[in-house]
């Protein structure tokens, strides 16, 4: 039987990075930099869905 690990931390980090992306896309001065938050968002989404 496998031991399940808590994924709450990963969901919170995913939501944080998602909020950063939304902020960057909503702010015209920073819109060109939204791609800097993509690796964090994708990584923690994969961790929270237990893909990695």
N, C-alpha and C. Protein backbone atom coordinates (compact mmCIF):
# COMPACT_ATOMS: atom_id res chain seq x y z
N UNK A 1 0.84 -1.18 0.00
CA UNK A 1 0.00 0.00 0.00
C UNK A 1 0.89 1.24 0.00
N UNK A 2 0.62 2.13 -0.92
CA UNK A 2 1.41 3.36 -1.03
C UNK A 2 0.95 4.39 0.00
N UNK A 3 1.92 5.12 0.48
CA UNK A 3 1.62 6.20 1.42
C UNK A 3 1.31 7.45 0.61
N UNK A 4 0.16 8.07 0.86
CA UNK A 4 -0.19 9.29 0.13
C UNK A 4 0.44 10.48 0.83
N UNK A 5 0.95 11.39 0.04
CA UNK A 5 1.57 12.58 0.61
C UNK A 5 0.64 13.78 0.45
N UNK A 6 0.80 14.73 1.32
CA UNK A 6 -0.02 15.93 1.30
C UNK A 6 0.36 16.80 0.10
N UNK A 7 -0.62 17.25 -0.62
CA UNK A 7 -0.38 18.08 -1.80
C UNK A 7 -0.85 19.51 -1.62
N UNK A 8 -1.30 19.84 -0.42
CA UNK A 8 -1.83 21.18 -0.15
C UNK A 8 -0.81 22.27 -0.40
N UNK A 9 0.45 22.01 -0.05
CA UNK A 9 1.50 23.00 -0.26
C UNK A 9 1.67 23.27 -1.76
N UNK A 10 1.60 22.22 -2.56
CA UNK A 10 1.77 22.40 -4.00
C UNK A 10 0.59 23.15 -4.62
N UNK A 11 -0.63 22.89 -4.12
CA UNK A 11 -1.78 23.63 -4.62
C UNK A 11 -1.68 25.11 -4.26
N UNK A 12 -1.20 25.41 -3.06
CA UNK A 12 -1.04 26.81 -2.66
C UNK A 12 0.01 27.51 -3.52
N UNK A 13 1.12 26.82 -3.78
CA UNK A 13 2.15 27.42 -4.63
C UNK A 13 1.65 27.60 -6.06
N UNK A 14 0.86 26.64 -6.55
CA UNK A 14 0.27 26.79 -7.88
C UNK A 14 -0.65 28.00 -7.93
N UNK A 15 -1.48 28.17 -6.91
CA UNK A 15 -2.39 29.32 -6.88
C UNK A 15 -1.63 30.63 -6.77
N UNK A 16 -0.52 30.63 -6.03
CA UNK A 16 0.30 31.82 -5.95
C UNK A 16 0.84 32.20 -7.32
N UNK A 17 1.44 31.24 -8.03
CA UNK A 17 2.00 31.52 -9.35
C UNK A 17 0.90 31.89 -10.35
N UNK A 18 -0.29 31.30 -10.20
CA UNK A 18 -1.41 31.67 -11.07
C UNK A 18 -1.82 33.12 -10.82
N UNK A 19 -1.83 33.53 -9.57
CA UNK A 19 -2.14 34.93 -9.24
C UNK A 19 -1.09 35.87 -9.81
N UNK A 20 0.17 35.45 -9.79
CA UNK A 20 1.23 36.26 -10.38
C UNK A 20 1.02 36.41 -11.88
N UNK A 21 0.67 35.32 -12.55
CA UNK A 21 0.41 35.40 -14.00
C UNK A 21 -0.76 36.32 -14.30
N UNK A 22 -1.83 36.19 -13.52
CA UNK A 22 -3.01 37.03 -13.75
C UNK A 22 -2.65 38.50 -13.52
N UNK A 23 -1.88 38.78 -12.49
CA UNK A 23 -1.44 40.16 -12.24
C UNK A 23 -0.60 40.67 -13.40
N UNK A 24 0.34 39.87 -13.87
CA UNK A 24 1.22 40.31 -14.96
C UNK A 24 0.43 40.54 -16.25
N UNK A 25 -0.55 39.70 -16.52
CA UNK A 25 -1.35 39.88 -17.73
C UNK A 25 -2.32 41.05 -17.62
N UNK A 26 -2.75 41.36 -16.40
CA UNK A 26 -3.71 42.45 -16.21
C UNK A 26 -3.04 43.82 -16.19
N UNK A 27 -1.75 43.85 -15.94
CA UNK A 27 -1.02 45.11 -15.85
C UNK A 27 -0.29 45.35 -17.17
N UNK A 28 -0.69 46.38 -17.90
CA UNK A 28 -0.08 46.61 -19.22
C UNK A 28 1.43 46.79 -19.20
N UNK A 29 1.97 47.39 -18.15
CA UNK A 29 3.42 47.61 -18.10
C UNK A 29 4.21 46.31 -17.93
N UNK A 30 3.58 45.30 -17.32
CA UNK A 30 4.28 44.05 -17.03
C UNK A 30 3.82 42.90 -17.92
N UNK A 31 2.91 43.15 -18.84
CA UNK A 31 2.35 42.08 -19.66
C UNK A 31 3.40 41.32 -20.44
N UNK A 32 4.44 42.01 -20.86
CA UNK A 32 5.48 41.35 -21.66
C UNK A 32 6.31 40.36 -20.84
N UNK A 33 6.19 40.40 -19.51
CA UNK A 33 6.99 39.54 -18.64
C UNK A 33 6.21 38.38 -18.05
N UNK A 34 4.99 38.13 -18.52
CA UNK A 34 4.18 37.06 -17.91
C UNK A 34 4.81 35.69 -18.08
N UNK A 35 5.59 35.50 -19.12
CA UNK A 35 6.19 34.19 -19.38
C UNK A 35 7.20 33.79 -18.30
N UNK A 36 7.68 34.75 -17.51
CA UNK A 36 8.61 34.40 -16.43
C UNK A 36 7.93 33.59 -15.32
N UNK A 37 6.62 33.71 -15.19
CA UNK A 37 5.89 32.97 -14.17
C UNK A 37 5.38 31.63 -14.67
N UNK A 38 5.51 31.34 -15.94
CA UNK A 38 5.00 30.08 -16.48
C UNK A 38 5.69 28.84 -15.92
N UNK A 39 7.02 28.82 -15.77
CA UNK A 39 7.64 27.60 -15.23
C UNK A 39 7.16 27.25 -13.82
N UNK A 40 7.01 28.25 -12.97
CA UNK A 40 6.52 27.99 -11.62
C UNK A 40 5.10 27.46 -11.63
N UNK A 41 4.26 28.05 -12.45
CA UNK A 41 2.86 27.62 -12.53
C UNK A 41 2.76 26.19 -13.03
N UNK A 42 3.43 25.89 -14.10
CA UNK A 42 3.36 24.54 -14.68
C UNK A 42 3.98 23.50 -13.76
N UNK A 43 5.08 23.84 -13.12
CA UNK A 43 5.76 22.89 -12.23
C UNK A 43 4.87 22.53 -11.05
N UNK A 44 4.31 23.52 -10.38
CA UNK A 44 3.52 23.21 -9.20
C UNK A 44 2.16 22.64 -9.54
N UNK A 45 1.65 22.90 -10.72
CA UNK A 45 0.44 22.20 -11.16
C UNK A 45 0.74 20.72 -11.35
N UNK A 46 1.87 20.41 -11.97
CA UNK A 46 2.25 19.01 -12.16
C UNK A 46 2.50 18.32 -10.83
N UNK A 47 3.16 19.00 -9.88
CA UNK A 47 3.36 18.41 -8.56
C UNK A 47 2.03 18.15 -7.86
N UNK A 48 1.11 19.11 -7.93
CA UNK A 48 -0.16 18.95 -7.23
C UNK A 48 -1.03 17.87 -7.84
N UNK A 49 -0.90 17.64 -9.14
CA UNK A 49 -1.65 16.56 -9.79
C UNK A 49 -0.90 15.23 -9.75
N UNK A 50 0.25 15.23 -9.10
CA UNK A 50 1.10 14.05 -8.91
C UNK A 50 1.57 13.48 -10.25
N UNK A 51 1.92 14.37 -11.17
CA UNK A 51 2.48 13.96 -12.46
C UNK A 51 3.99 13.82 -12.39
N UNK A 52 4.59 14.52 -11.44
CA UNK A 52 6.05 14.44 -11.27
C UNK A 52 6.33 13.72 -9.97
